[in-house]
């Protein structure tokens, strides 16, 4: 069996820079609310309020508060890929998963950004995990992949990371990762053959070309053509 690996190891080295840009966007000038609470050192608790949640986005959450000079301590059982289920408190309707310690104004400066990041990432991971489990129940080799559009900016990375943690295939990360030709390309070029010939002029042998079409005849012709590429 493969040794355990950390999901965070796949993230780019400029993660802190990306998080810094998000904080700068959220606080472009004065922070009046921060001035009100002051800089007394306090402890805040992160709660998970939805049962059967797949936690994802820990590195993003940590990076936000690292930038603000705060420390984050996660409870032992909670990390990327952990499932909040048995620990859920039905009486309070929430589970404490982490503590953040630092100046009160700094914690509040990072609160919204950090919660948005881990909430979005965990939501994607949770839905992905459910889809993967349902696919396994079919007894087939079906793969679940996030092929649709992503939110521009840093959230592109967040959402793809959520797919990875949830066990789904991340598919292509951006337009440069893989070539996807659709009916629009067929219509613009006049034929599949023409679209593929133009595509081959710019595409490295290491990049996959995929044709997505609604017309069944088009899909069949693509199979025949692909064998000669």
Protein backbone atom coordinates (compact mmCIF):
# COMPACT_ATOMS: atom_id res chain seq x y z
CA UNK A 1 0.00 0.00 0.00
CA UNK A 2 1.07 3.56 -0.67
CA UNK A 3 2.25 5.57 2.34
CA UNK A 4 -0.13 8.32 3.52
CA UNK A 5 0.28 11.61 1.65
CA UNK A 6 -0.74 15.15 2.52
CA UNK A 7 -3.14 16.83 0.08
CA UNK A 8 -1.46 20.16 0.82
CA UNK A 9 1.73 19.03 -0.93
CA UNK A 10 0.09 19.58 -4.33
CA UNK A 11 -0.54 23.27 -3.71
CA UNK A 12 1.65 25.90 -5.45
CA UNK A 13 4.40 27.75 -3.53
CA UNK A 14 2.67 31.11 -3.99
CA UNK A 15 -0.32 30.19 -1.82
CA UNK A 16 0.51 32.83 0.79
CA UNK A 17 0.79 35.43 -1.98
CA UNK A 18 -2.66 34.51 -3.27
CA UNK A 19 -4.16 34.71 0.19
CA UNK A 20 -2.44 38.04 0.78
CA UNK A 21 -4.10 39.39 -2.36
CA UNK A 22 -7.51 38.26 -1.11
CA UNK A 23 -6.99 39.99 2.24
CA UNK A 24 -5.83 43.16 0.50
CA UNK A 25 -8.98 43.11 -1.63
CA UNK A 26 -11.18 42.71 1.45
CA UNK A 27 -9.41 45.45 3.44
CA UNK A 28 -8.24 48.05 0.89
CA UNK A 29 -8.10 50.93 3.39
CA UNK A 30 -9.29 51.57 6.99
CA UNK A 31 -10.56 48.75 9.19
CA UNK A 32 -12.86 50.57 11.60
CA UNK A 33 -14.28 47.37 13.09
CA UNK A 34 -10.77 46.17 13.87
CA UNK A 35 -9.97 49.41 15.65
CA UNK A 36 -13.06 48.97 17.83
CA UNK A 37 -12.06 45.54 19.18
CA UNK A 38 -8.37 46.38 19.60
CA UNK A 39 -5.42 44.01 19.62
CA UNK A 40 -5.92 42.06 22.85
CA UNK A 41 -4.93 38.41 22.34
CA UNK A 42 -8.02 36.19 22.22
CA UNK A 43 -9.02 32.69 21.11
CA UNK A 44 -11.74 31.98 18.56
CA UNK A 45 -13.25 28.58 17.76
CA UNK A 46 -14.10 27.25 14.29
CA UNK A 47 -17.26 25.14 14.30
CA UNK A 48 -18.63 22.79 11.67
CA UNK A 49 -22.40 23.24 11.65
CA UNK A 50 -23.38 20.69 9.00
CA UNK A 51 -23.35 16.97 9.68
CA UNK A 52 -21.64 14.55 7.27
CA UNK A 53 -19.22 17.20 6.03
CA UNK A 54 -15.92 16.32 4.35
CA UNK A 55 -13.40 18.84 5.66
CA UNK A 56 -11.27 20.44 2.94
CA UNK A 57 -9.33 23.68 2.66
CA UNK A 58 -7.21 23.50 5.80
CA UNK A 59 -4.11 24.98 4.07
CA UNK A 60 -6.14 27.96 2.83
CA UNK A 61 -7.61 28.59 6.27
CA UNK A 62 -4.17 28.32 7.90
CA UNK A 63 -2.59 30.64 5.33
CA UNK A 64 -5.09 33.42 6.01
CA UNK A 65 -4.27 33.57 9.70
CA UNK A 66 -0.56 32.99 9.12
CA UNK A 67 -0.56 36.17 7.06
CA UNK A 68 -2.20 37.99 9.96
CA UNK A 69 0.20 36.73 12.63
CA UNK A 70 -2.26 34.32 14.26
CA UNK A 71 -1.91 30.63 15.06
CA UNK A 72 -4.35 27.85 14.18
CA UNK A 73 -4.67 24.60 16.13
CA UNK A 74 -6.80 21.83 14.63
CA UNK A 75 -8.34 19.17 16.80
CA UNK A 76 -6.50 15.87 16.33
CA UNK A 77 -9.09 14.07 14.19
CA UNK A 78 -9.75 16.92 11.78
CA UNK A 79 -7.68 17.42 8.64
CA UNK A 80 -8.33 17.53 4.91
CA UNK A 81 -10.44 14.52 4.01
CA UNK A 82 -11.79 13.97 7.54
CA UNK A 83 -15.53 13.34 7.77
CA UNK A 84 -17.58 15.09 10.45
CA UNK A 85 -20.24 12.58 11.41
CA UNK A 86 -19.89 10.62 14.65
CA UNK A 87 -18.50 13.69 16.42
CA UNK A 88 -21.53 15.81 15.54
CA UNK A 89 -23.39 17.16 18.56
CA UNK A 90 -27.10 16.95 17.78
CA UNK A 91 -27.92 19.07 20.84
CA UNK A 92 -25.80 22.10 19.91
CA UNK A 93 -25.91 21.46 16.19
CA UNK A 94 -22.18 22.01 15.74
CA UNK A 95 -18.73 20.50 16.27
CA UNK A 96 -15.57 22.44 17.23
CA UNK A 97 -12.82 21.61 14.74
CA UNK A 98 -10.12 24.25 15.27
CA UNK A 99 -8.98 27.15 17.42
CA UNK A 100 -7.47 30.42 16.23
CA UNK A 101 -5.39 32.53 18.61
CA UNK A 102 -4.12 36.04 18.04
CA UNK A 103 -4.97 39.75 18.29
CA UNK A 104 -8.75 40.26 18.18
CA UNK A 105 -8.55 42.74 15.29
CA UNK A 106 -6.41 40.36 13.23
CA UNK A 107 -8.76 37.43 13.76
CA UNK A 108 -11.71 39.52 12.62
CA UNK A 109 -9.75 40.75 9.59
CA UNK A 110 -9.24 37.18 8.44
CA UNK A 111 -12.55 35.69 9.59
CA UNK A 112 -14.64 36.29 6.46
CA UNK A 113 -11.95 35.28 3.97
CA UNK A 114 -10.99 32.16 5.93
CA UNK A 115 -14.61 31.03 6.34
CA UNK A 116 -15.38 31.59 2.66
CA UNK A 117 -12.36 29.52 1.65
CA UNK A 118 -12.94 26.53 3.92
CA UNK A 119 -16.73 26.58 3.43
CA UNK A 120 -16.51 26.53 -0.36
CA UNK A 121 -13.75 23.95 -0.42
CA UNK A 122 -15.51 21.65 2.07
CA UNK A 123 -18.79 21.92 0.19
CA UNK A 124 -17.14 20.84 -3.06
CA UNK A 125 -15.32 17.99 -1.28
CA UNK A 126 -18.51 16.80 0.44
CA UNK A 127 -20.57 16.66 -2.76
CA UNK A 128 -17.64 15.05 -4.60
CA UNK A 129 -17.26 12.38 -1.90
CA UNK A 130 -20.98 11.55 -2.11
CA UNK A 131 -20.84 11.29 -5.91
CA UNK A 132 -17.76 9.05 -5.76
CA UNK A 133 -19.40 6.72 -3.23
CA UNK A 134 -22.55 6.48 -5.36
CA UNK A 135 -20.43 5.66 -8.40
CA UNK A 136 -18.65 2.87 -6.51
CA UNK A 137 -21.99 1.34 -5.57
CA UNK A 138 -22.70 0.71 -9.25
CA UNK A 139 -19.89 -1.82 -9.34
CA UNK A 140 -18.47 -0.23 -12.49
CA UNK A 141 -15.27 1.67 -13.23
CA UNK A 142 -17.16 4.98 -13.47
CA UNK A 143 -15.06 8.02 -12.62
CA UNK A 144 -16.46 11.24 -11.19
CA UNK A 145 -14.79 14.36 -12.58
CA UNK A 146 -15.30 18.09 -12.13
CA UNK A 147 -15.41 19.09 -15.77
CA UNK A 148 -17.45 22.28 -15.55
CA UNK A 149 -16.36 25.88 -15.16
CA UNK A 150 -14.76 27.14 -11.96
CA UNK A 151 -14.87 30.48 -10.16
CA UNK A 152 -12.16 32.83 -11.51
CA UNK A 153 -9.22 33.83 -9.33
CA UNK A 154 -7.95 31.91 -6.32
CA UNK A 155 -11.26 30.05 -5.99
CA UNK A 156 -10.33 28.07 -9.10
CA UNK A 157 -7.59 26.43 -7.01
CA UNK A 158 -9.88 26.10 -3.99
CA UNK A 159 -12.61 24.29 -5.91
CA UNK A 160 -10.24 21.94 -7.71
CA UNK A 161 -8.56 21.17 -4.38
CA UNK A 162 -11.98 20.32 -2.96
CA UNK A 163 -12.54 17.85 -5.80
CA UNK A 164 -9.20 16.22 -5.07
CA UNK A 165 -9.89 15.88 -1.34
CA UNK A 166 -13.36 14.51 -2.07
CA UNK A 167 -11.86 11.76 -4.20
CA UNK A 168 -13.06 13.01 -7.58
CA UNK A 169 -10.98 13.64 -10.69
CA UNK A 170 -9.99 17.29 -11.11
CA UNK A 171 -10.17 17.04 -14.93
CA UNK A 172 -8.46 20.01 -16.56
CA UNK A 173 -7.32 22.87 -14.35
CA UNK A 174 -7.68 25.51 -17.06
CA UNK A 175 -8.02 25.99 -20.83
CA UNK A 176 -4.32 25.26 -21.31
CA UNK A 177 -4.37 21.88 -19.54
CA UNK A 178 -6.33 20.04 -22.21
CA UNK A 179 -8.03 20.84 -25.49
CA UNK A 180 -11.81 20.39 -25.50
CA UNK A 181 -13.47 20.82 -28.86
CA UNK A 182 -17.25 21.17 -28.98
CA UNK A 183 -20.06 21.73 -31.45
CA UNK A 184 -19.06 25.41 -31.56
CA UNK A 185 -15.69 24.45 -33.01
CA UNK A 186 -17.35 22.08 -35.48
CA UNK A 187 -19.71 24.80 -36.66
CA UNK A 188 -16.94 27.42 -36.93
CA UNK A 189 -14.57 25.14 -38.87
CA UNK A 190 -17.19 23.35 -40.96
CA UNK A 191 -16.22 19.82 -39.93
CA UNK A 192 -14.55 17.73 -37.28
CA UNK A 193 -11.64 17.01 -39.60
CA UNK A 194 -10.95 20.70 -40.15
CA UNK A 195 -11.17 21.49 -36.42
CA UNK A 196 -8.80 18.64 -35.53
CA UNK A 197 -6.28 19.54 -38.23
CA UNK A 198 -6.12 23.13 -36.98
CA UNK A 199 -5.87 21.91 -33.40
CA UNK A 200 -2.93 19.61 -34.19
CA UNK A 201 -0.90 22.56 -35.50
CA UNK A 202 -0.77 24.08 -32.00
CA UNK A 203 -1.03 21.08 -29.69
CA UNK A 204 1.86 19.14 -28.18
CA UNK A 205 1.70 15.34 -28.28
CA UNK A 206 1.61 15.46 -24.46
CA UNK A 207 -1.71 17.34 -24.37
CA UNK A 208 -4.96 15.43 -24.63
CA UNK A 209 -7.56 16.46 -27.20
CA UNK A 210 -11.16 15.70 -26.27
CA UNK A 211 -14.25 16.19 -28.42
CA UNK A 212 -17.53 16.90 -26.66
CA UNK A 213 -20.53 16.85 -28.95
CA UNK A 214 -24.28 16.41 -28.65
CA UNK A 215 -24.68 14.80 -32.06
CA UNK A 216 -24.32 11.01 -31.90
CA UNK A 217 -23.10 10.83 -35.50
CA UNK A 218 -20.43 13.41 -34.68
CA UNK A 219 -19.18 11.34 -31.73
CA UNK A 220 -18.97 8.20 -33.86
CA UNK A 221 -17.03 9.94 -36.60
CA UNK A 222 -14.61 11.28 -33.98
CA UNK A 223 -13.77 7.76 -32.80
CA UNK A 224 -12.92 6.74 -36.35
CA UNK A 225 -10.85 9.88 -36.93
CA UNK A 226 -8.99 9.70 -33.60
CA UNK A 227 -7.38 6.39 -34.60
CA UNK A 228 -5.42 8.15 -37.32
CA UNK A 229 -4.12 11.00 -35.15
